[in-house]
Amino acid sequence: MQYSLTGIESHLDFGFGITGESYYDTARFLHEHRKDIPVIQLKEMPESFLYRHSIELFLKSLIIIFHKKLKINYDQEPPTSKQPKVFSKGKWMNLYRCHWIDELYLYWKDHLLIPNLETLKEIAPRGDWREYEQITKALPIIAKYDRESSFFRYPVTENAAQDLEKFTMQPLDVDKLFERLGTKPKPGEGGIEEKPSMIMALKNDDNDIVKAYIHTDDILADVTSALQIVSHDFYCIHFMARVELCGGH
């Protein structure tokens, strides 16, 4: 693949695709070595951010490639414009300034992919040009939490309630803490013993436990799964586009 070994000044998508691949491959590396990361909290966040950002970069790459290869103008600008645009919410906006992952996807799918399926089959017949149902289903899950690429980038956003869901140490009701500690089976007594969890209990001046936190695995498992699925699919779609539409460029 020629684009993998040349400077981005020669890339027809201005380097969005090759950068997306770097984010995706780094996210996969972090996922495969997550147990080796020496932190207690939030080790999922950098991985999720990288997956999410790779999706945005792949979409922007595909939008630029489709405009150029299908010879579709950006409003009044030619498809070769160095200021690509996306049509969102009834108006054109600069592609570089659009971070709404759902809007990017809808524009690519509804304005560039589906209306041009027959043309794509003619000029790149070996490509698998279709809407992927699993992407369409998973994108809203990602957009619900991280539409603008801020949820996994910062500890706090404008949605305080959702922010609490991404922290590894989750609040644990004090009564449930005592229940949890009191009902755990002892060795030799039978029953199913839960996987050990890290618990932090805080006491007041009277030595009473007033607050507790529990280390929780698989934070936002549905979002993590959606990110992995969609990023992998777009990694493949982008590679296919570079081979079939761009001849490796």
C-alpha atoms as a PDB file:
ATOM      1  CA  MET A   1       0.000   0.000   0.000  1.00  0.00           C
ATOM      2  CA  GLN A   2       1.753   3.099  -1.274  1.00  0.00           C
ATOM      3  CA  TYR A   3       0.054   5.503   1.148  1.00  0.00           C
ATOM      4  CA  SER A   4       1.630   3.644   4.080  1.00  0.00           C
ATOM      5  CA  LEU A   5       5.134   4.612   2.978  1.00  0.00           C
ATOM      6  CA  THR A   6       4.710   8.135   1.623  1.00  0.00           C
ATOM      7  CA  GLY A   7       4.384  11.551   3.263  1.00  0.00           C
ATOM      8  CA  ILE A   8       0.881  12.776   3.967  1.00  0.00           C
ATOM      9  CA  GLU A   9       1.362  15.726   1.606  1.00  0.00           C
ATOM     10  CA  SER A  10       0.898  13.183  -1.193  1.00  0.00           C
ATOM     11  CA  HIS A  11      -2.175  11.508   0.306  1.00  0.00           C
ATOM     12  CA  LEU A  12      -5.429  12.311  -1.460  1.00  0.00           C
ATOM     13  CA  ASP A  13      -7.247  12.303   1.927  1.00  0.00           C
ATOM     14  CA  PHE A  14      -4.708  14.693   3.520  1.00  0.00           C
ATOM     15  CA  GLY A  15      -3.484  11.975   5.888  1.00  0.00           C
ATOM     16  CA  PHE A  16      -6.724  11.266   7.747  1.00  0.00           C
ATOM     17  CA  GLY A  17      -6.695   7.567   6.884  1.00  0.00           C
ATOM     18  CA  ILE A  18      -3.112   6.739   7.834  1.00  0.00           C
ATOM     19  CA  THR A  19      -3.588   8.659  11.094  1.00  0.00           C
ATOM     20  CA  GLY A  20      -6.776   6.718  11.795  1.00  0.00           C
ATOM     21  CA  GLU A  21      -4.857   3.470  11.338  1.00  0.00           C
ATOM     22  CA  SER A  22      -2.276   4.602  13.893  1.00  0.00           C
ATOM     23  CA  TYR A  23      -4.959   5.408  16.464  1.00  0.00           C
ATOM     24  CA  TYR A  24      -6.709   2.103  15.801  1.00  0.00           C
ATOM     25  CA  ASP A  25      -3.578  -0.037  16.042  1.00  0.00           C
ATOM     26  CA  THR A  26      -2.509   1.732  19.240  1.00  0.00           C
ATOM     27  CA  ALA A  27      -5.951   1.156  20.773  1.00  0.00           C
ATOM     28  CA  ARG A  28      -5.699  -2.548  19.942  1.00  0.00           C
ATOM     29  CA  PHE A  29      -2.257  -2.710  21.528  1.00  0.00           C
ATOM     30  CA  LEU A  30      -3.560  -1.107  24.723  1.00  0.00           C
ATOM     31  CA  HIS A  31      -6.505  -3.494  24.790  1.00  0.00           C
ATOM     32  CA  GLU A  32      -4.289  -6.552  24.404  1.00  0.00           C
ATOM     33  CA  HIS A  33      -1.927  -5.331  27.151  1.00  0.00           C
ATOM     34  CA  ARG A  34      -4.458  -3.715  29.461  1.00  0.00           C
ATOM     35  CA  LYS A  35      -3.500  -5.954  32.389  1.00  0.00           C
ATOM     36  CA  ASP A  36       0.085  -4.656  32.162  1.00  0.00           C
ATOM     37  CA  ILE A  37      -0.875  -0.982  32.545  1.00  0.00           C
ATOM     38  CA  PRO A  38       0.160  -0.072  36.121  1.00  0.00           C
ATOM     39  CA  VAL A  39      -2.836   2.066  37.076  1.00  0.00           C
ATOM     40  CA  ILE A  40      -5.925   1.311  39.139  1.00  0.00           C
ATOM     41  CA  GLN A  41      -8.422   3.710  37.623  1.00  0.00           C
ATOM     42  CA  LEU A  42      -9.476   4.719  34.134  1.00  0.00           C
ATOM     43  CA  LYS A  43      -7.141   2.491  32.124  1.00  0.00           C
ATOM     44  CA  GLU A  44     -10.064   1.927  29.740  1.00  0.00           C
ATOM     45  CA  MET A  45     -10.397   5.610  28.877  1.00  0.00           C
ATOM     46  CA  PRO A  46      -7.283   6.101  26.699  1.00  0.00           C
ATOM     47  CA  GLU A  47      -8.132   2.935  24.781  1.00  0.00           C
ATOM     48  CA  SER A  48     -11.729   4.025  24.215  1.00  0.00           C
ATOM     49  CA  PHE A  49     -10.630   7.511  23.187  1.00  0.00           C
ATOM     50  CA  LEU A  50      -8.251   6.081  20.590  1.00  0.00           C
ATOM     51  CA  TYR A  51     -10.895   3.752  19.156  1.00  0.00           C
ATOM     52  CA  ARG A  52     -13.417   6.572  19.010  1.00  0.00           C
ATOM     53  CA  HIS A  53     -10.989   9.003  17.373  1.00  0.00           C
ATOM     54  CA  SER A  54      -9.951   6.417  14.793  1.00  0.00           C
ATOM     55  CA  ILE A  55     -13.603   6.141  13.707  1.00  0.00           C
ATOM     56  CA  GLU A  56     -13.819   9.907  13.210  1.00  0.00           C
ATOM     57  CA  LEU A  57     -10.597   9.938  11.200  1.00  0.00           C
ATOM     58  CA  PHE A  58     -11.664   6.995   9.017  1.00  0.00           C
ATOM     59  CA  LEU A  59     -14.993   8.683   8.304  1.00  0.00           C
ATOM     60  CA  LYS A  60     -13.304  11.940   7.317  1.00  0.00           C
ATOM     61  CA  SER A  61     -10.911  10.035   5.091  1.00  0.00           C
ATOM     62  CA  LEU A  62     -13.766   8.191   3.387  1.00  0.00           C
ATOM     63  CA  ILE A  63     -15.752  11.386   2.881  1.00  0.00           C
ATOM     64  CA  ILE A  64     -12.801  13.040   1.137  1.00  0.00           C
ATOM     65  CA  ILE A  65     -12.017   9.943  -0.942  1.00  0.00           C
ATOM     66  CA  PHE A  66     -15.622   9.491  -2.064  1.00  0.00           C
ATOM     67  CA  HIS A  67     -15.945  13.142  -3.050  1.00  0.00           C
ATOM     68  CA  LYS A  68     -12.780  12.938  -5.140  1.00  0.00           C
ATOM     69  CA  LYS A  69     -13.315   9.551  -6.747  1.00  0.00           C
ATOM     70  CA  LEU A  70     -17.011  10.104  -7.451  1.00  0.00           C
ATOM     71  CA  LYS A  71     -16.385  13.728  -8.531  1.00  0.00           C
ATOM     72  CA  ILE A  72     -18.939  15.184  -6.106  1.00  0.00           C
ATOM     73  CA  ASN A  73     -18.680  18.873  -5.224  1.00  0.00           C
ATOM     74  CA  TYR A  74     -18.761  20.263  -1.700  1.00  0.00           C
ATOM     75  CA  ASP A  75     -21.641  22.675  -2.204  1.00  0.00           C
ATOM     76  CA  GLN A  76     -20.002  25.195  -4.587  1.00  0.00           C
ATOM     77  CA  GLU A  77     -16.471  23.893  -3.976  1.00  0.00           C
ATOM     78  CA  PRO A  78     -14.863  21.291  -6.264  1.00  0.00           C
ATOM     79  CA  PRO A  79     -14.094  17.769  -4.953  1.00  0.00           C
ATOM     80  CA  THR A  80     -10.372  18.656  -5.015  1.00  0.00           C
ATOM     81  CA  SER A  81     -10.881  21.452  -2.481  1.00  0.00           C
ATOM     82  CA  LYS A  82      -8.423  21.551   0.416  1.00  0.00           C
ATOM     83  CA  GLN A  83     -11.289  22.717   2.614  1.00  0.00           C
ATOM     84  CA  PRO A  84     -13.648  19.712   2.466  1.00  0.00           C
ATOM     85  CA  LYS A  85     -17.139  20.041   3.895  1.00  0.00           C
ATOM     86  CA  VAL A  86     -19.899  17.931   5.350  1.00  0.00           C
ATOM     87  CA  PHE A  87     -23.620  18.568   4.989  1.00  0.00           C
ATOM     88  CA  SER A  88     -25.094  18.450   8.482  1.00  0.00           C
ATOM     89  CA  LYS A  89     -28.431  19.619   9.872  1.00  0.00           C
ATOM     90  CA  GLY A  90     -29.414  21.371   6.671  1.00  0.00           C
ATOM     91  CA  LYS A  91     -26.193  23.274   6.027  1.00  0.00           C
ATOM     92  CA  TRP A  92     -22.617  22.818   4.879  1.00  0.00           C
ATOM     93  CA  MET A  93     -19.841  23.051   7.447  1.00  0.00           C
ATOM     94  CA  ASN A  94     -16.082  22.659   7.406  1.00  0.00           C
ATOM     95  CA  LEU A  95     -15.163  18.986   7.743  1.00  0.00           C
ATOM     96  CA  TYR A  96     -12.203  19.810   9.982  1.00  0.00           C
ATOM     97  CA  ARG A  97     -14.499  21.447  12.516  1.00  0.00           C
ATOM     98  CA  CYS A  98     -17.113  18.715  12.623  1.00  0.00           C
ATOM     99  CA  HIS A  99     -16.538  16.161  15.391  1.00  0.00           C
ATOM    100  CA  TRP A 100     -20.106  14.819  15.591  1.00  0.00           C
ATOM    101  CA  ILE A 101     -19.500  11.173  14.888  1.00  0.00           C
ATOM    102  CA  ASP A 102     -23.139  10.404  14.098  1.00  0.00           C
ATOM    103  CA  GLU A 103     -23.436  13.302  11.648  1.00  0.00           C
ATOM    104  CA  LEU A 104     -20.240  12.293   9.885  1.00  0.00           C
ATOM    105  CA  TYR A 105     -21.538   8.753   9.532  1.00  0.00           C
ATOM    106  CA  LEU A 106     -24.985   9.797   8.287  1.00  0.00           C
ATOM    107  CA  TYR A 107     -23.446  12.119   5.712  1.00  0.00           C
ATOM    108  CA  TRP A 108     -21.090   9.447   4.395  1.00  0.00           C
ATOM    109  CA  LYS A 109     -23.778   6.735   4.395  1.00  0.00           C
ATOM    110  CA  ASP A 110     -26.813   8.653   3.167  1.00  0.00           C
ATOM    111  CA  HIS A 111     -25.197  11.189   0.816  1.00  0.00           C
ATOM    112  CA  LEU A 112     -22.140   9.398  -0.553  1.00  0.00           C
ATOM    113  CA  LEU A 113     -22.398   5.626  -0.145  1.00  0.00           C
ATOM    114  CA  ILE A 114     -26.011   4.569  -0.707  1.00  0.00           C
ATOM    115  CA  PRO A 115     -26.861   7.016  -3.561  1.00  0.00           C
ATOM    116  CA  ASN A 116     -23.751   5.891  -5.451  1.00  0.00           C
ATOM    117  CA  LEU A 117     -23.834   2.122  -4.944  1.00  0.00           C
ATOM    118  CA  GLU A 118     -24.225   1.356  -8.644  1.00  0.00           C
ATOM    119  CA  THR A 119     -21.369   3.664  -9.615  1.00  0.00           C
ATOM    120  CA  LEU A 120     -19.135   2.164  -6.939  1.00  0.00           C
ATOM    121  CA  LYS A 121     -19.874  -1.329  -8.234  1.00  0.00           C
ATOM    122  CA  GLU A 122     -18.907  -0.214 -11.722  1.00  0.00           C
ATOM    123  CA  ILE A 123     -15.628   1.537 -10.915  1.00  0.00           C
ATOM    124  CA  ALA A 124     -14.581  -0.782  -8.048  1.00  0.00           C
ATOM    125  CA  PRO A 125     -16.445  -4.070  -8.576  1.00  0.00           C
ATOM    126  CA  ARG A 126     -14.352  -6.067  -6.116  1.00  0.00           C
ATOM    127  CA  GLY A 127     -15.321  -3.801  -3.222  1.00  0.00           C
ATOM    128  CA  ASP A 128     -18.007  -4.721  -0.712  1.00  0.00           C
ATOM    129  CA  TRP A 129     -20.027  -1.527  -1.094  1.00  0.00           C
ATOM    130  CA  ARG A 130     -23.023  -1.631   1.220  1.00  0.00           C
ATOM    131  CA  GLU A 131     -24.359  -0.297   4.465  1.00  0.00           C
ATOM    132  CA  TYR A 132     -23.197  -2.425   7.387  1.00  0.00           C
ATOM    133  CA  GLU A 133     -26.118  -2.974   9.730  1.00  0.00           C
ATOM    134  CA  GLN A 134     -23.935  -3.519  12.769  1.00  0.00           C
ATOM    135  CA  ILE A 135     -22.339  -0.096  12.273  1.00  0.00           C
ATOM    136  CA  THR A 136     -25.718   1.595  11.925  1.00  0.00           C
ATOM    137  CA  LYS A 137     -26.864  -0.081  15.147  1.00  0.00           C
ATOM    138  CA  ALA A 138     -23.685   0.590  17.122  1.00  0.00           C
ATOM    139  CA  LEU A 139     -23.078   4.242  16.153  1.00  0.00           C
ATOM    140  CA  PRO A 140     -25.957   5.593  18.289  1.00  0.00           C
ATOM    141  CA  ILE A 141     -24.506   3.826  21.346  1.00  0.00           C
ATOM    142  CA  ILE A 142     -21.188   5.595  20.829  1.00  0.00           C
ATOM    143  CA  ALA A 143     -22.799   8.941  20.012  1.00  0.00           C
ATOM    144  CA  LYS A 144     -24.937   8.768  23.152  1.00  0.00           C
ATOM    145  CA  TYR A 145     -21.807   9.061  25.271  1.00  0.00           C
ATOM    146  CA  ASP A 146     -19.134  10.546  23.049  1.00  0.00           C
ATOM    147  CA  ARG A 147     -20.671  12.399  20.156  1.00  0.00           C
ATOM    148  CA  GLU A 148     -18.092  15.208  20.171  1.00  0.00           C
ATOM    149  CA  SER A 149     -14.936  13.320  21.223  1.00  0.00           C
ATOM    150  CA  SER A 150     -14.854  14.698  24.770  1.00  0.00           C
ATOM    151  CA  PHE A 151     -16.306  11.926  26.974  1.00  0.00           C
ATOM    152  CA  PHE A 152     -13.180   9.740  26.964  1.00  0.00           C
ATOM    153  CA  ARG A 153     -10.791  12.691  26.618  1.00  0.00           C
ATOM    154  CA  TYR A 154     -11.680  14.571  29.805  1.00  0.00           C
ATOM    155  CA  PRO A 155     -12.680  13.522  33.340  1.00  0.00           C
ATOM    156  CA  VAL A 156     -15.660  15.894  33.302  1.00  0.00           C
ATOM    157  CA  THR A 157     -17.913  17.111  30.507  1.00  0.00           C
ATOM    158  CA  GLU A 158     -21.202  18.975  30.289  1.00  0.00           C
ATOM    159  CA  ASN A 159     -23.053  15.771  31.215  1.00  0.00           C
ATOM    160  CA  ALA A 160     -22.150  15.170  34.861  1.00  0.00           C
ATOM    161  CA  ALA A 161     -24.488  12.183  35.242  1.00  0.00           C
ATOM    162  CA  GLN A 162     -22.851  10.290  32.373  1.00  0.00           C
ATOM    163  CA  ASP A 163     -19.386  11.238  33.576  1.00  0.00           C
ATOM    164  CA  LEU A 164     -19.932   9.206  36.752  1.00  0.00           C
ATOM    165  CA  GLU A 165     -20.424   6.057  34.662  1.00  0.00           C
ATOM    166  CA  LYS A 166     -16.865   6.011  33.312  1.00  0.00           C
ATOM    167  CA  PHE A 167     -14.992   5.972  36.607  1.00  0.00           C
ATOM    168  CA  THR A 168     -13.564   2.650  37.709  1.00  0.00           C
ATOM    169  CA  MET A 169     -14.162   3.252  41.418  1.00  0.00           C
ATOM    170  CA  GLN A 170     -17.949   3.311  41.657  1.00  0.00           C
ATOM    171  CA  PRO A 171     -19.906   4.455  44.755  1.00  0.00           C
ATOM    172  CA  LEU A 172     -21.116   1.568  46.883  1.00  0.00           C
ATOM    173  CA  ASP A 173     -24.019   1.964  49.296  1.00  0.00           C
ATOM    174  CA  VAL A 174     -22.747   1.426  52.849  1.00  0.00           C
ATOM    175  CA  ASP A 175     -25.556  -1.039  53.652  1.00  0.00           C
ATOM    176  CA  LYS A 176     -24.680  -3.054  50.550  1.00  0.00           C
ATOM    177  CA  LEU A 177     -21.049  -2.967  51.625  1.00  0.00           C
ATOM    178  CA  PHE A 178     -21.908  -4.759  54.865  1.00  0.00           C
ATOM    179  CA  GLU A 179     -24.130  -7.209  52.985  1.00  0.00           C
ATOM    180  CA  ARG A 180     -21.325  -7.921  50.558  1.00  0.00           C
ATOM    181  CA  LEU A 181     -18.770  -8.493  53.295  1.00  0.00           C
ATOM    182  CA  GLY A 182     -21.155 -10.547  55.400  1.00  0.00           C
ATOM    183  CA  THR A 183     -22.418 -12.960  52.755  1.00  0.00           C
ATOM    184  CA  LYS A 184     -19.196 -13.880  51.035  1.00  0.00           C
ATOM    185  CA  PRO A 185     -18.693 -17.675  51.277  1.00  0.00           C
ATOM    186  CA  LYS A 186     -15.735 -18.846  53.305  1.00  0.00           C
ATOM    187  CA  PRO A 187     -13.318 -21.451  51.940  1.00  0.00           C
ATOM    188  CA  GLY A 188     -14.704 -24.943  52.398  1.00  0.00           C
ATOM    189  CA  GLU A 189     -18.305 -23.811  52.958  1.00  0.00           C
ATOM    190  CA  GLY A 190     -19.393 -24.284  49.370  1.00  0.00           C
ATOM    191  CA  GLY A 191     -21.256 -21.793  47.272  1.00  0.00           C
ATOM    192  CA  ILE A 192     -19.937 -19.552  44.527  1.00  0.00           C
ATOM    193  CA  GLU A 193     -17.354 -17.043  45.625  1.00  0.00           C
ATOM    194  CA  GLU A 194     -17.334 -13.775  43.733  1.00  0.00           C
ATOM    195  CA  LYS A 195     -14.208 -12.471  42.115  1.00  0.00           C
ATOM    196  CA  PRO A 196     -12.316 -10.390  44.707  1.00  0.00           C
ATOM    197  CA  SER A 197     -12.936  -6.671  44.367  1.00  0.00           C
ATOM    198  CA  MET A 198     -10.999  -3.681  45.605  1.00  0.00           C
ATOM    199  CA  ILE A 199     -13.065  -1.665  48.089  1.00  0.00           C
ATOM    200  CA  MET A 200     -12.301   1.715  49.620  1.00  0.00           C
ATOM    201  CA  ALA A 201     -14.236   2.574  52.791  1.00  0.00           C
ATOM    202  CA  LEU A 202     -14.133   6.019  54.406  1.00  0.00           C
ATOM    203  CA  LYS A 203     -14.832   6.673  58.095  1.00  0.00           C
ATOM    204  CA  ASN A 204     -15.930   9.769  59.978  1.00  0.00           C
ATOM    205  CA  ASP A 205     -14.484  11.048  63.241  1.00  0.00           C
ATOM    206  CA  ASP A 206     -16.661   8.565  65.168  1.00  0.00           C
ATOM    207  CA  ASN A 207     -15.057   5.685  63.285  1.00  0.00           C
ATOM    208  CA  ASP A 208     -18.267   4.944  61.392  1.00  0.00           C
ATOM    209  CA  ILE A 209     -18.091   3.994  57.721  1.00  0.00           C
ATOM    210  CA  VAL A 210     -19.920   6.723  55.850  1.00  0.00           C
ATOM    211  CA  LYS A 211     -18.853   6.195  52.253  1.00  0.00           C
ATOM    212  CA  ALA A 212     -17.545   3.333  50.153  1.00  0.00           C
ATOM    213  CA  TYR A 213     -16.274   2.719  46.648  1.00  0.00           C
ATOM    214  CA  ILE A 214     -15.775  -0.526  44.735  1.00  0.00           C
ATOM    215  CA  HIS A 215     -13.466  -1.240  41.830  1.00  0.00           C
ATOM    216  CA  THR A 216     -15.645  -2.179  38.878  1.00  0.00           C
ATOM    217  CA  ASP A 217     -14.488  -4.096  35.844  1.00  0.00           C
ATOM    218  CA  ASP A 218     -16.047  -3.744  32.387  1.00  0.00           C
ATOM    219  CA  ILE A 219     -17.084  -0.117  32.775  1.00  0.00           C
ATOM    220  CA  LEU A 220     -19.530   0.840  29.998  1.00  0.00           C
ATOM    221  CA  ALA A 221     -19.180  -2.569  28.382  1.00  0.00           C
ATOM    222  CA  ASP A 222     -21.772  -1.790  25.700  1.00  0.00           C
ATOM    223  CA  VAL A 223     -19.897   1.333  24.594  1.00  0.00           C
ATOM    224  CA  THR A 224     -16.545  -0.455  24.626  1.00  0.00           C
ATOM    225  CA  SER A 225     -17.955  -3.256  22.487  1.00  0.00           C
ATOM    226  CA  ALA A 226     -19.520  -0.772  20.042  1.00  0.00           C
ATOM    227  CA  LEU A 227     -16.236   1.123  19.725  1.00  0.00           C
ATOM    228  CA  GLN A 228     -14.299  -2.047  18.966  1.00  0.00           C
ATOM    229  CA  ILE A 229     -16.824  -3.255  16.400  1.00  0.00           C
ATOM    230  CA  VAL A 230     -17.223   0.043  14.559  1.00  0.00           C
ATOM    231  CA  SER A 231     -13.531   0.957  14.570  1.00  0.00           C
ATOM    232  CA  HIS A 232     -12.603  -2.463  13.184  1.00  0.00           C
ATOM    233  CA  ASP A 233     -15.271  -2.244  10.477  1.00  0.00           C
ATOM    234  CA  PHE A 234     -14.122   1.209   9.386  1.00  0.00           C
ATOM    235  CA  TYR A 235     -10.488   0.093   9.476  1.00  0.00           C
ATOM    236  CA  CYS A 236     -11.479  -2.575   6.942  1.00  0.00           C
ATOM    237  CA  ILE A 237     -13.722  -0.267   4.873  1.00  0.00           C
ATOM    238  CA  HIS A 238     -10.989   2.360   4.714  1.00  0.00           C
ATOM    239  CA  PHE A 239      -8.398  -0.221   3.627  1.00  0.00           C
ATOM    240  CA  MET A 240     -10.798  -1.522   0.993  1.00  0.00           C
ATOM    241  CA  ALA A 241     -11.343   2.001  -0.326  1.00  0.00           C
ATOM    242  CA  ARG A 242      -7.600   2.625  -0.555  1.00  0.00           C
ATOM    243  CA  VAL A 243      -7.121  -0.604  -2.521  1.00  0.00           C
ATOM    244  CA  GLU A 244     -10.189  -0.617  -4.768  1.00  0.00           C
ATOM    245  CA  LEU A 245     -10.921   3.079  -5.254  1.00  0.00           C
ATOM    246  CA  CYS A 246      -7.460   4.598  -4.880  1.00  0.00           C
ATOM    247  CA  GLY A 247      -5.185   1.927  -6.286  1.00  0.00           C
ATOM    248  CA  GLY A 248      -3.137   1.847  -3.102  1.00  0.00           C
ATOM    249  CA  HIS A 249      -2.666   5.621  -2.925  1.00  0.00           C
END
